[in-house]
Amino acid sequence: MTDFPGAPASIAQPYAARQVRPPLTARARRGAAIAGAVGFLLLGLGYAMASLAIGIALIVAFFALIVRAANGSDTRMGAGFEQFISRLDIAPWIAPLVAIAIVGIVLMVAAIVVSGRVLGAHRVRRPWAVTWAGAGVAIVASWIMSGILATFANLAMGGFRGDSPSWGAGFFGVLIVSAVIGLASNAVLGWLSWWWMAHAMRPVAVVDSVSQSVPIGPRA
């Protein structure tokens, strides 16, 4: 018997197709992992270099502004500060700071380009959207992780006395360990963030709602 009176029994009844999102392929997962780990490492390194150069330049400009303001008035600064300013030569710093900032910006651009191309080569849907969304998620997560790492670094440095001979070695030891952990956490955060966005933007497929068969036609 059929659900439609008068319809021949040999004719299949019409059923609405159901849309599902199949899981990412192994190739897409691998591409998201590579793009996220490498891309966010490059992005973080480039940002650190550019922000360091710009920060130092701002500090130097601040001191130069103080000197100019003091020279234009009758205000006298401390002898020690005047001696420090007189010995401060900013000319040798200009070229290295500009070079570091340019390299950092190039690394940030390269991170986005490399990520998009790697995702595209691994057949990830909307590779550029995945890249930008993954970067946004990873940046927010890295802020939280940086706060956690800074807390543990402060606790570690609290065990060293400022007048202790081992204070310098302890400081650089904590700094190196924090840098290594920061790089590793950036790679992991990038991998997870890119995978999440690739999973969220994976293509929709049409499935026969009766037979629950393999998808019969992907949709972008």
N, C-alpha and C. Protein backbone atom coordinates (compact mmCIF):
# COMPACT_ATOMS: atom_id res chain seq x y z
N MET A 1 0.84 -1.19 0.00
CA MET A 1 0.00 0.00 0.00
C MET A 1 0.88 1.24 0.00
N THR A 2 0.35 2.29 -0.57
CA THR A 2 1.07 3.55 -0.60
C THR A 2 0.34 4.56 0.26
N ASP A 3 1.05 5.62 0.58
CA ASP A 3 0.45 6.70 1.38
C ASP A 3 -0.43 7.60 0.55
N PHE A 4 -0.38 7.46 -0.76
CA PHE A 4 -1.14 8.32 -1.65
C PHE A 4 -2.14 7.47 -2.42
N PRO A 5 -3.44 7.64 -2.19
CA PRO A 5 -4.46 6.83 -2.89
C PRO A 5 -4.33 6.97 -4.40
N GLY A 6 -4.40 5.85 -5.07
CA GLY A 6 -4.34 5.84 -6.52
C GLY A 6 -2.95 5.80 -7.09
N ALA A 7 -1.93 5.94 -6.25
CA ALA A 7 -0.56 5.90 -6.75
C ALA A 7 -0.12 4.46 -6.88
N PRO A 8 0.57 4.09 -7.97
CA PRO A 8 1.05 2.72 -8.14
C PRO A 8 2.00 2.34 -7.01
N ALA A 9 1.92 1.07 -6.61
CA ALA A 9 2.74 0.61 -5.50
C ALA A 9 4.22 0.59 -5.84
N SER A 10 4.55 0.54 -7.14
CA SER A 10 5.95 0.44 -7.54
C SER A 10 6.68 1.78 -7.52
N ILE A 11 5.96 2.89 -7.32
CA ILE A 11 6.58 4.21 -7.33
C ILE A 11 7.01 4.57 -5.90
N ALA A 12 8.29 4.95 -5.74
CA ALA A 12 8.80 5.34 -4.43
C ALA A 12 8.14 6.62 -3.96
N GLN A 13 7.86 6.67 -2.69
CA GLN A 13 7.20 7.84 -2.13
C GLN A 13 8.20 8.98 -1.94
N PRO A 14 7.77 10.23 -2.12
CA PRO A 14 8.68 11.36 -1.96
C PRO A 14 8.95 11.65 -0.48
N TYR A 15 10.21 11.79 -0.15
CA TYR A 15 10.62 12.15 1.20
C TYR A 15 11.57 13.34 1.11
N ALA A 16 11.49 14.21 2.07
CA ALA A 16 12.38 15.38 2.08
C ALA A 16 13.80 14.94 2.42
N ALA A 17 14.74 15.45 1.66
CA ALA A 17 16.14 15.14 1.92
C ALA A 17 16.59 15.86 3.19
N ARG A 18 17.46 15.22 3.93
CA ARG A 18 17.94 15.77 5.19
C ARG A 18 19.38 16.25 5.01
N GLN A 19 19.68 17.44 5.56
CA GLN A 19 21.02 17.99 5.46
C GLN A 19 21.80 17.68 6.74
N VAL A 20 23.00 17.16 6.57
CA VAL A 20 23.87 16.87 7.70
C VAL A 20 25.26 17.42 7.39
N ARG A 21 26.07 17.51 8.41
CA ARG A 21 27.46 17.92 8.24
C ARG A 21 28.35 16.73 8.59
N PRO A 22 28.88 16.06 7.60
CA PRO A 22 29.77 14.93 7.89
C PRO A 22 31.05 15.41 8.55
N PRO A 23 31.73 14.54 9.29
CA PRO A 23 32.97 14.96 9.96
C PRO A 23 34.05 15.32 8.95
N LEU A 24 35.04 16.06 9.42
CA LEU A 24 36.16 16.42 8.56
C LEU A 24 36.91 15.17 8.11
N THR A 25 37.41 15.22 6.91
CA THR A 25 38.23 14.12 6.43
C THR A 25 39.59 14.16 7.13
N ALA A 26 40.29 13.04 7.06
CA ALA A 26 41.63 12.99 7.67
C ALA A 26 42.56 14.01 7.03
N ARG A 27 42.40 14.21 5.73
CA ARG A 27 43.24 15.20 5.04
C ARG A 27 42.94 16.61 5.54
N ALA A 28 41.66 16.93 5.73
CA ALA A 28 41.29 18.26 6.22
C ALA A 28 41.76 18.47 7.66
N ARG A 29 41.65 17.45 8.49
CA ARG A 29 42.12 17.57 9.87
C ARG A 29 43.63 17.80 9.92
N ARG A 30 44.34 17.07 9.07
CA ARG A 30 45.79 17.25 9.03
C ARG A 30 46.16 18.65 8.55
N GLY A 31 45.45 19.14 7.55
CA GLY A 31 45.71 20.50 7.06
C GLY A 31 45.42 21.55 8.10
N ALA A 32 44.32 21.38 8.85
CA ALA A 32 43.98 22.35 9.90
C ALA A 32 45.04 22.34 11.00
N ALA A 33 45.55 21.15 11.34
CA ALA A 33 46.58 21.06 12.37
C ALA A 33 47.86 21.76 11.94
N ILE A 34 48.29 21.51 10.70
CA ILE A 34 49.52 22.13 10.21
C ILE A 34 49.35 23.65 10.10
N ALA A 35 48.25 24.06 9.47
CA ALA A 35 48.03 25.50 9.27
C ALA A 35 47.90 26.22 10.60
N GLY A 36 47.22 25.63 11.57
CA GLY A 36 47.04 26.28 12.86
C GLY A 36 48.33 26.39 13.65
N ALA A 37 49.07 25.28 13.74
CA ALA A 37 50.31 25.28 14.53
C ALA A 37 51.35 26.22 13.92
N VAL A 38 51.60 26.07 12.61
CA VAL A 38 52.61 26.89 11.95
C VAL A 38 52.14 28.34 11.84
N GLY A 39 50.88 28.52 11.43
CA GLY A 39 50.37 29.87 11.22
C GLY A 39 50.36 30.70 12.49
N PHE A 40 49.90 30.12 13.59
CA PHE A 40 49.82 30.92 14.82
C PHE A 40 51.20 31.13 15.45
N LEU A 41 52.12 30.17 15.24
CA LEU A 41 53.49 30.39 15.69
C LEU A 41 54.11 31.60 14.98
N LEU A 42 53.97 31.62 13.65
CA LEU A 42 54.50 32.75 12.88
C LEU A 42 53.80 34.05 13.25
N LEU A 43 52.48 33.98 13.43
CA LEU A 43 51.72 35.18 13.78
C LEU A 43 52.17 35.73 15.14
N GLY A 44 52.32 34.84 16.12
CA GLY A 44 52.75 35.28 17.44
C GLY A 44 54.16 35.83 17.45
N LEU A 45 55.06 35.16 16.70
CA LEU A 45 56.44 35.64 16.64
C LEU A 45 56.52 36.99 15.94
N GLY A 46 55.80 37.14 14.84
CA GLY A 46 55.80 38.42 14.14
C GLY A 46 55.22 39.54 14.98
N TYR A 47 54.15 39.24 15.70
CA TYR A 47 53.54 40.26 16.57
C TYR A 47 54.50 40.66 17.69
N ALA A 48 55.20 39.67 18.27
CA ALA A 48 56.15 39.98 19.34
C ALA A 48 57.28 40.87 18.84
N MET A 49 57.80 40.57 17.65
CA MET A 49 58.89 41.38 17.10
C MET A 49 58.43 42.80 16.79
N ALA A 50 57.28 42.91 16.13
CA ALA A 50 56.78 44.24 15.76
C ALA A 50 56.43 45.07 16.99
N SER A 51 55.76 44.45 17.96
CA SER A 51 55.37 45.20 19.16
C SER A 51 56.58 45.59 19.99
N LEU A 52 57.62 44.72 20.03
CA LEU A 52 58.83 45.07 20.77
C LEU A 52 59.52 46.28 20.15
N ALA A 53 59.65 46.25 18.82
CA ALA A 53 60.30 47.38 18.14
C ALA A 53 59.52 48.67 18.32
N ILE A 54 58.21 48.58 18.17
CA ILE A 54 57.38 49.78 18.32
C ILE A 54 57.40 50.28 19.77
N GLY A 55 57.39 49.35 20.73
CA GLY A 55 57.43 49.74 22.13
C GLY A 55 58.72 50.46 22.49
N ILE A 56 59.85 49.92 22.03
CA ILE A 56 61.13 50.59 22.30
C ILE A 56 61.17 51.96 21.64
N ALA A 57 60.65 52.05 20.41
CA ALA A 57 60.63 53.34 19.71
C ALA A 57 59.79 54.36 20.47
N LEU A 58 58.67 53.92 21.03
CA LEU A 58 57.82 54.84 21.80
C LEU A 58 58.52 55.31 23.07
N ILE A 59 59.24 54.40 23.73
CA ILE A 59 59.96 54.79 24.95
C ILE A 59 61.04 55.82 24.63
N VAL A 60 61.79 55.57 23.54
CA VAL A 60 62.83 56.52 23.14
C VAL A 60 62.21 57.86 22.78
N ALA A 61 61.08 57.82 22.06
CA ALA A 61 60.41 59.08 21.70
C ALA A 61 59.92 59.81 22.94
N PHE A 62 59.49 59.07 23.95
CA PHE A 62 59.03 59.69 25.19
C PHE A 62 60.18 60.43 25.88
N PHE A 63 61.34 59.78 25.96
CA PHE A 63 62.50 60.44 26.57
C PHE A 63 62.92 61.67 25.76
N ALA A 64 62.88 61.54 24.43
CA ALA A 64 63.24 62.69 23.59
C ALA A 64 62.28 63.85 23.82
N LEU A 65 61.00 63.54 24.02
CA LEU A 65 60.03 64.59 24.29
C LEU A 65 60.30 65.27 25.62
N ILE A 66 60.70 64.48 26.62
CA ILE A 66 61.02 65.07 27.93
C ILE A 66 62.22 66.01 27.82
N VAL A 67 63.24 65.56 27.08
CA VAL A 67 64.43 66.40 26.92
C VAL A 67 64.09 67.70 26.21
N ARG A 68 63.29 67.60 25.16
CA ARG A 68 62.91 68.81 24.41
C ARG A 68 62.11 69.76 25.29
N ALA A 69 61.19 69.22 26.09
CA ALA A 69 60.40 70.08 26.96
C ALA A 69 61.27 70.73 28.03
N ALA A 70 62.24 69.97 28.55
CA ALA A 70 63.12 70.53 29.58
C ALA A 70 64.04 71.59 29.02
N ASN A 71 64.53 71.39 27.80
CA ASN A 71 65.40 72.39 27.18
C ASN A 71 64.67 73.67 26.84
N GLY A 72 63.36 73.57 26.63
CA GLY A 72 62.59 74.76 26.29
C GLY A 72 62.08 75.51 27.49
N SER A 73 62.46 75.07 28.70
CA SER A 73 62.01 75.75 29.91
C SER A 73 63.20 75.91 30.85
N ASP A 74 62.93 76.54 31.98
CA ASP A 74 63.99 76.77 32.97
C ASP A 74 64.07 75.64 33.99
N THR A 75 63.27 74.58 33.76
CA THR A 75 63.24 73.47 34.71
C THR A 75 64.54 72.68 34.64
N ARG A 76 65.10 72.37 35.80
CA ARG A 76 66.32 71.58 35.87
C ARG A 76 65.98 70.17 36.30
N MET A 77 66.54 69.21 35.57
CA MET A 77 66.34 67.81 35.93
C MET A 77 67.46 67.36 36.84
N GLY A 78 67.29 66.18 37.42
CA GLY A 78 68.33 65.65 38.28
C GLY A 78 69.62 65.42 37.52
N ALA A 79 70.74 65.52 38.24
CA ALA A 79 72.04 65.36 37.58
C ALA A 79 72.19 63.97 36.98
N GLY A 80 71.72 62.96 37.70
CA GLY A 80 71.83 61.59 37.18
C GLY A 80 71.00 61.40 35.93
N PHE A 81 69.81 61.97 35.94
CA PHE A 81 68.94 61.82 34.76
C PHE A 81 69.52 62.56 33.57
N GLU A 82 70.07 63.77 33.82
CA GLU A 82 70.68 64.53 32.73
C GLU A 82 71.89 63.78 32.15
N GLN A 83 72.65 63.14 33.02
CA GLN A 83 73.80 62.37 32.54
C GLN A 83 73.35 61.18 31.70
N PHE A 84 72.27 60.53 32.14
CA PHE A 84 71.74 59.39 31.39
C PHE A 84 71.25 59.83 30.01
N ILE A 85 70.54 60.94 29.97
CA ILE A 85 70.01 61.43 28.70
C ILE A 85 71.14 61.86 27.76
N SER A 86 72.17 62.47 28.33
CA SER A 86 73.27 62.93 27.48
C SER A 86 74.02 61.77 26.84
N ARG A 87 74.02 60.64 27.50
CA ARG A 87 74.71 59.47 26.96
C ARG A 87 73.81 58.63 26.06
N LEU A 88 72.55 58.95 26.02
CA LEU A 88 71.59 58.17 25.22
C LEU A 88 71.65 58.61 23.77
N ASP A 89 72.18 57.74 22.93
CA ASP A 89 72.28 58.01 21.49
C ASP A 89 71.29 57.11 20.77
N ILE A 90 70.23 57.70 20.22
CA ILE A 90 69.18 56.90 19.61
C ILE A 90 69.45 56.59 18.14
N ALA A 91 70.42 57.26 17.54
CA ALA A 91 70.67 57.06 16.11
C ALA A 91 70.99 55.61 15.76
N PRO A 92 71.86 54.91 16.53
CA PRO A 92 72.16 53.52 16.17
C PRO A 92 70.97 52.58 16.32
N TRP A 93 69.94 52.98 17.05
CA TRP A 93 68.78 52.12 17.28
C TRP A 93 67.76 52.19 16.15
N ILE A 94 67.80 53.23 15.36
CA ILE A 94 66.72 53.45 14.39
C ILE A 94 66.66 52.32 13.37
N ALA A 95 67.78 52.04 12.71
CA ALA A 95 67.78 51.02 11.65
C ALA A 95 67.41 49.63 12.19
N PRO A 96 68.00 49.16 13.32
CA PRO A 96 67.59 47.85 13.84
C PRO A 96 66.11 47.77 14.21
N LEU A 97 65.58 48.84 14.82
CA LEU A 97 64.18 48.82 15.21
C LEU A 97 63.27 48.77 13.99
N VAL A 98 63.60 49.54 12.97
CA VAL A 98 62.80 49.51 11.75
C VAL A 98 62.87 48.13 11.10
N ALA A 99 64.08 47.53 11.08
CA ALA A 99 64.24 46.21 10.47
C ALA A 99 63.44 45.15 11.24
N ILE A 100 63.51 45.21 12.57
CA ILE A 100 62.76 44.24 13.38
C ILE A 100 61.26 44.39 13.16
N ALA A 101 60.78 45.63 13.12
CA ALA A 101 59.36 45.86 12.90
C ALA A 101 58.92 45.34 11.53
N ILE A 102 59.74 45.58 10.50
CA ILE A 102 59.39 45.12 9.15
C ILE A 102 59.37 43.60 9.09
N VAL A 103 60.38 42.95 9.69
CA VAL A 103 60.41 41.49 9.71
C VAL A 103 59.19 40.94 10.44
N GLY A 104 58.82 41.57 11.56
CA GLY A 104 57.64 41.12 12.29
C GLY A 104 56.37 41.22 11.47
N ILE A 105 56.20 42.33 10.77
CA ILE A 105 55.00 42.50 9.93
C ILE A 105 54.99 41.49 8.79
N VAL A 106 56.17 41.25 8.20
CA VAL A 106 56.26 40.26 7.11
C VAL A 106 55.89 38.87 7.63
N LEU A 107 56.34 38.52 8.83
CA LEU A 107 55.99 37.22 9.41
C LEU A 107 54.49 37.11 9.65
N MET A 108 53.86 38.18 10.09
CA MET A 108 52.42 38.15 10.33
C MET A 108 51.65 37.95 9.03
N VAL A 109 52.07 38.65 7.97
CA VAL A 109 51.43 38.47 6.67
C VAL A 109 51.68 37.06 6.15
N ALA A 110 52.92 36.58 6.31
CA ALA A 110 53.25 35.23 5.85
C ALA A 110 52.42 34.18 6.59
N ALA A 111 52.14 34.40 7.87
CA ALA A 111 51.34 33.45 8.64
C ALA A 111 49.95 33.29 8.04
N ILE A 112 49.33 34.41 7.67
CA ILE A 112 47.99 34.35 7.08
C ILE A 112 48.03 33.67 5.72
N VAL A 113 49.01 34.04 4.89
CA VAL A 113 49.10 33.48 3.54
C VAL A 113 49.39 31.99 3.59
N VAL A 114 50.35 31.59 4.43
CA VAL A 114 50.71 30.17 4.53
C VAL A 114 49.52 29.36 5.03
N SER A 115 48.81 29.87 6.02
CA SER A 115 47.64 29.15 6.54
C SER A 115 46.58 28.95 5.46
N GLY A 116 46.26 30.03 4.75
CA GLY A 116 45.24 29.90 3.71
C GLY A 116 45.62 28.92 2.63
N ARG A 117 46.89 28.93 2.23
CA ARG A 117 47.33 28.02 1.17
C ARG A 117 47.37 26.57 1.65
N VAL A 118 47.82 26.36 2.88
CA VAL A 118 47.85 24.99 3.42
C VAL A 118 46.45 24.43 3.54
N LEU A 119 45.52 25.23 4.05
CA LEU A 119 44.14 24.77 4.17
C LEU A 119 43.53 24.48 2.80
N GLY A 120 43.80 25.36 1.83
CA GLY A 120 43.29 25.13 0.49
C GLY A 120 43.86 23.87 -0.13
N ALA A 121 45.15 23.61 0.09
CA ALA A 121 45.78 22.41 -0.47
C ALA A 121 45.22 21.14 0.16
N HIS A 122 44.71 21.23 1.38
CA HIS A 122 44.14 20.06 2.06
C HIS A 122 42.61 20.02 1.94
N ARG A 123 42.08 20.75 1.01
CA ARG A 123 40.65 20.74 0.69
C ARG A 123 39.77 21.12 1.88
N VAL A 124 40.23 22.07 2.67
CA VAL A 124 39.40 22.60 3.75
C VAL A 124 38.49 23.66 3.17
N ARG A 125 37.21 23.59 3.49
CA ARG A 125 36.25 24.55 2.96
C ARG A 125 36.51 25.94 3.54
N ARG A 126 36.42 26.96 2.69
CA ARG A 126 36.59 28.37 3.07
C ARG A 126 37.90 28.57 3.85
N PRO A 127 39.03 28.31 3.21
CA PRO A 127 40.31 28.36 3.93
C PRO A 127 40.64 29.72 4.52
N TRP A 128 40.30 30.80 3.83
CA TRP A 128 40.64 32.12 4.35
C TRP A 128 39.74 32.50 5.52
N ALA A 129 38.47 32.12 5.45
CA ALA A 129 37.58 32.37 6.59
C ALA A 129 38.02 31.57 7.81
N VAL A 130 38.42 30.32 7.59
CA VAL A 130 38.92 29.50 8.69
C VAL A 130 40.17 30.13 9.30
N THR A 131 41.05 30.66 8.44
CA THR A 131 42.28 31.29 8.93
C THR A 131 41.99 32.48 9.83
N TRP A 132 41.15 33.40 9.36
CA TRP A 132 40.87 34.60 10.14
C TRP A 132 40.10 34.27 11.42
N ALA A 133 39.12 33.37 11.32
CA ALA A 133 38.35 33.00 12.51
C ALA A 133 39.23 32.25 13.51
N GLY A 134 40.06 31.33 13.01
CA GLY A 134 40.96 30.60 13.90
C GLY A 134 41.95 31.52 14.58
N ALA A 135 42.46 32.51 13.84
CA ALA A 135 43.40 33.47 14.44
C ALA A 135 42.72 34.27 15.55
N GLY A 136 41.48 34.69 15.33
CA GLY A 136 40.78 35.44 16.36
C GLY A 136 40.56 34.63 17.63
N VAL A 137 40.15 33.37 17.46
CA VAL A 137 39.94 32.50 18.63
C VAL A 137 41.26 32.26 19.35
N ALA A 138 42.31 31.98 18.59
CA ALA A 138 43.61 31.69 19.19
C ALA A 138 44.18 32.90 19.92
N ILE A 139 43.97 34.09 19.39
CA ILE A 139 44.48 35.30 20.04
C ILE A 139 43.83 35.50 21.41
N VAL A 140 42.51 35.33 21.46
CA VAL A 140 41.81 35.47 22.75
C VAL A 140 42.30 34.41 23.74
N ALA A 141 42.44 33.17 23.25
CA ALA A 141 42.92 32.10 24.13
C ALA A 141 44.35 32.36 24.59
N SER A 142 45.17 32.95 23.71
CA SER A 142 46.56 33.22 24.10
C SER A 142 46.65 34.31 25.16
N TRP A 143 45.72 35.27 25.14
CA TRP A 143 45.69 36.28 26.20
C TRP A 143 45.47 35.62 27.56
N ILE A 144 44.52 34.70 27.59
CA ILE A 144 44.24 33.99 28.85
C ILE A 144 45.46 33.17 29.27
N MET A 145 46.06 32.45 28.31
CA MET A 145 47.22 31.63 28.61
C MET A 145 48.40 32.49 29.07
N SER A 146 48.57 33.67 28.48
CA SER A 146 49.66 34.56 28.88
C SER A 146 49.50 35.00 30.33
N GLY A 147 48.27 35.29 30.72
CA GLY A 147 48.03 35.66 32.11
C GLY A 147 48.36 34.54 33.07
N ILE A 148 48.02 33.31 32.69
CA ILE A 148 48.34 32.16 33.54
C ILE A 148 49.84 31.96 33.64
N LEU A 149 50.54 32.03 32.49
CA LEU A 149 51.99 31.86 32.49
C LEU A 149 52.68 32.96 33.29
N ALA A 150 52.18 34.19 33.18
CA ALA A 150 52.79 35.29 33.93
C ALA A 150 52.64 35.07 35.43
N THR A 151 51.51 34.53 35.85
CA THR A 151 51.30 34.25 37.27
C THR A 151 52.30 33.24 37.79
N PHE A 152 52.49 32.14 37.03
CA PHE A 152 53.44 31.12 37.46
C PHE A 152 54.88 31.64 37.40
N ALA A 153 55.18 32.50 36.41
CA ALA A 153 56.53 33.07 36.32
C ALA A 153 56.81 33.96 37.53
N ASN A 154 55.82 34.74 37.95
CA ASN A 154 56.00 35.59 39.13
C ASN A 154 56.20 34.75 40.39
N LEU A 155 55.46 33.65 40.47
CA LEU A 155 55.63 32.76 41.63
C LEU A 155 57.02 32.14 41.63
N ALA A 156 57.51 31.77 40.43
CA ALA A 156 58.85 31.18 40.35
C ALA A 156 59.92 32.20 40.72
N MET A 157 59.76 33.44 40.27
CA MET A 157 60.74 34.47 40.59
C MET A 157 60.68 34.88 42.06
N GLY A 158 59.54 34.63 42.70
CA GLY A 158 59.42 34.97 44.11
C GLY A 158 60.36 34.17 45.00
N GLY A 159 60.84 33.04 44.48
CA GLY A 159 61.77 32.23 45.27
C GLY A 159 63.20 32.72 45.24
N PHE A 160 63.49 33.76 44.44
CA PHE A 160 64.84 34.30 44.36
C PHE A 160 64.89 35.67 45.04
N ARG A 161 65.87 35.87 45.88
CA ARG A 161 66.07 37.17 46.50
C ARG A 161 66.78 38.10 45.53
N GLY A 162 66.41 39.39 45.57
CA GLY A 162 67.01 40.34 44.65
C GLY A 162 68.50 40.51 44.84
N ASP A 163 69.00 40.31 46.07
CA ASP A 163 70.43 40.47 46.32
C ASP A 163 71.19 39.15 46.24
N SER A 164 70.50 38.10 45.80
CA SER A 164 71.15 36.80 45.70
C SER A 164 72.01 36.73 44.44
N PRO A 165 73.20 36.09 44.52
CA PRO A 165 74.04 35.96 43.32
C PRO A 165 73.37 35.16 42.21
N SER A 166 72.46 34.28 42.57
CA SER A 166 71.79 33.44 41.57
C SER A 166 70.54 34.09 40.99
N TRP A 167 70.28 35.36 41.37
CA TRP A 167 69.05 35.99 40.88
C TRP A 167 69.07 36.15 39.37
N GLY A 168 70.19 36.57 38.81
CA GLY A 168 70.28 36.77 37.36
C GLY A 168 70.08 35.47 36.61
N ALA A 169 70.75 34.40 37.06
CA ALA A 169 70.59 33.11 36.40
C ALA A 169 69.16 32.61 36.52
N GLY A 170 68.58 32.81 37.70
CA GLY A 170 67.19 32.38 37.88
C GLY A 170 66.23 33.15 37.00
N PHE A 171 66.49 34.45 36.86
CA PHE A 171 65.62 35.28 36.02
C PHE A 171 65.66 34.81 34.57
N PHE A 172 66.88 34.61 34.04
CA PHE A 172 66.98 34.18 32.65
C PHE A 172 66.47 32.75 32.47
N GLY A 173 66.63 31.91 33.49
CA GLY A 173 66.08 30.56 33.40
C GLY A 173 64.57 30.57 33.30
N VAL A 174 63.93 31.37 34.16
CA VAL A 174 62.47 31.49 34.11
C VAL A 174 62.04 32.09 32.78
N LEU A 175 62.81 33.07 32.28
CA LEU A 175 62.47 33.71 31.01
C LEU A 175 62.53 32.71 29.85
N ILE A 176 63.57 31.88 29.82
CA ILE A 176 63.72 30.89 28.74
C ILE A 176 62.61 29.85 28.82
N VAL A 177 62.35 29.34 30.03
CA VAL A 177 61.29 28.34 30.18
C VAL A 177 59.94 28.92 29.78
N SER A 178 59.67 30.16 30.17
CA SER A 178 58.40 30.80 29.81
C SER A 178 58.28 30.96 28.30
N ALA A 179 59.40 31.32 27.64
CA ALA A 179 59.37 31.48 26.18
C ALA A 179 59.09 30.15 25.49
N VAL A 180 59.73 29.07 25.96
CA VAL A 180 59.51 27.75 25.35
C VAL A 180 58.07 27.30 25.56
N ILE A 181 57.56 27.47 26.78
CA ILE A 181 56.17 27.09 27.05
C ILE A 181 55.22 27.95 26.24
N GLY A 182 55.54 29.24 26.09
CA GLY A 182 54.69 30.12 25.29
C GLY A 182 54.62 29.70 23.84
N LEU A 183 55.77 29.33 23.26
CA LEU A 183 55.78 28.87 21.87
C LEU A 183 55.00 27.57 21.71
N ALA A 184 55.21 26.64 22.65
CA ALA A 184 54.48 25.37 22.58
C ALA A 184 52.98 25.58 22.74
N SER A 185 52.59 26.46 23.66
CA SER A 185 51.16 26.71 23.85
C SER A 185 50.56 27.40 22.64
N ASN A 186 51.32 28.28 21.97
CA ASN A 186 50.82 28.91 20.75
C ASN A 186 50.56 27.87 19.66
N ALA A 187 51.47 26.91 19.53
CA ALA A 187 51.27 25.86 18.53
C ALA A 187 50.01 25.04 18.84
N VAL A 188 49.83 24.69 20.10
CA VAL A 188 48.65 23.90 20.48
C VAL A 188 47.37 24.72 20.32
N LEU A 189 47.40 25.98 20.75
CA LEU A 189 46.21 26.83 20.61
C LEU A 189 45.86 27.04 19.14
N GLY A 190 46.87 27.24 18.30
CA GLY A 190 46.61 27.39 16.87
C GLY A 190 46.01 26.14 16.28
N TRP A 191 46.56 24.99 16.62
CA TRP A 191 46.03 23.73 16.11
C TRP A 191 44.57 23.55 16.50
N LEU A 192 44.24 23.74 17.78
CA LEU A 192 42.87 23.54 18.24
C LEU A 192 41.91 24.58 17.65
N SER A 193 42.35 25.83 17.57
CA SER A 193 41.47 26.89 17.05
C SER A 193 41.18 26.70 15.57
N TRP A 194 42.21 26.38 14.79
CA TRP A 194 42.00 26.16 13.35
C TRP A 194 41.12 24.93 13.13
N TRP A 195 41.36 23.87 13.91
CA TRP A 195 40.52 22.67 13.76
C TRP A 195 39.07 22.99 14.10
N TRP A 196 38.84 23.75 15.16
CA TRP A 196 37.48 24.11 15.56
C TRP A 196 36.78 24.88 14.45
N MET A 197 37.45 25.87 13.88
CA MET A 197 36.82 26.67 12.83
C MET A 197 36.63 25.85 11.55
N ALA A 198 37.57 24.99 11.21
CA ALA A 198 37.39 24.12 10.05
C ALA A 198 36.22 23.17 10.26
N HIS A 199 36.08 22.68 11.50
CA HIS A 199 34.95 21.80 11.82
C HIS A 199 33.63 22.56 11.74
N ALA A 200 33.62 23.80 12.24
CA ALA A 200 32.38 24.59 12.22
C ALA A 200 31.96 24.98 10.81
N MET A 201 32.92 25.13 9.90
CA MET A 201 32.63 25.55 8.53
C MET A 201 32.68 24.41 7.53
N ARG A 202 32.65 23.17 8.01
CA ARG A 202 32.70 22.04 7.09
C ARG A 202 31.45 22.02 6.22
N PRO A 203 31.52 21.42 5.03
CA PRO A 203 30.39 21.49 4.09
C PRO A 203 29.20 20.66 4.54
N VAL A 204 28.04 21.05 4.03
CA VAL A 204 26.78 20.33 4.27
C VAL A 204 26.58 19.31 3.17
N ALA A 205 26.06 18.14 3.51
CA ALA A 205 25.76 17.11 2.53
C ALA A 205 24.29 16.73 2.65
N VAL A 206 23.69 16.28 1.54
CA VAL A 206 22.29 15.86 1.49
C VAL A 206 22.24 14.35 1.66
N VAL A 207 21.42 13.88 2.60
CA VAL A 207 21.31 12.46 2.90
C VAL A 207 19.88 12.01 2.72
N ASP A 208 19.69 10.81 2.20
CA ASP A 208 18.36 10.21 2.08
C ASP A 208 17.85 9.94 3.48
N SER A 209 16.76 10.60 3.87
CA SER A 209 16.26 10.49 5.24
C SER A 209 15.64 9.13 5.54
N VAL A 210 15.35 8.33 4.51
CA VAL A 210 14.74 7.01 4.73
C VAL A 210 15.80 5.94 4.88
N SER A 211 16.70 5.89 3.91
CA SER A 211 17.70 4.83 3.92
C SER A 211 18.91 5.16 4.76
N GLN A 212 19.07 6.45 5.15
CA GLN A 212 20.24 6.89 5.90
C GLN A 212 21.51 6.49 5.17
N SER A 213 21.50 6.66 3.87
CA SER A 213 22.62 6.25 3.04
C SER A 213 23.74 7.26 3.11
N VAL A 214 24.83 6.95 2.43
CA VAL A 214 25.97 7.85 2.35
C VAL A 214 25.53 9.12 1.66
N PRO A 215 26.07 10.28 2.01
CA PRO A 215 25.66 11.53 1.36
C PRO A 215 25.69 11.43 -0.15
N ILE A 216 24.60 11.91 -0.78
CA ILE A 216 24.47 11.78 -2.23
C ILE A 216 24.88 13.05 -2.95
N GLY A 217 25.20 14.09 -2.24
CA GLY A 217 25.61 15.31 -2.93
C GLY A 217 26.04 16.38 -1.97
N PRO A 218 27.32 16.73 -1.95
CA PRO A 218 27.76 17.79 -1.03
C PRO A 218 27.29 19.15 -1.49
N ARG A 219 27.13 20.02 -0.54
CA ARG A 219 26.78 21.41 -0.82
C ARG A 219 27.82 22.31 -0.18
N ALA A 220 28.20 23.30 -0.95
CA ALA A 220 29.22 24.23 -0.44
C ALA A 220 28.65 25.07 0.68
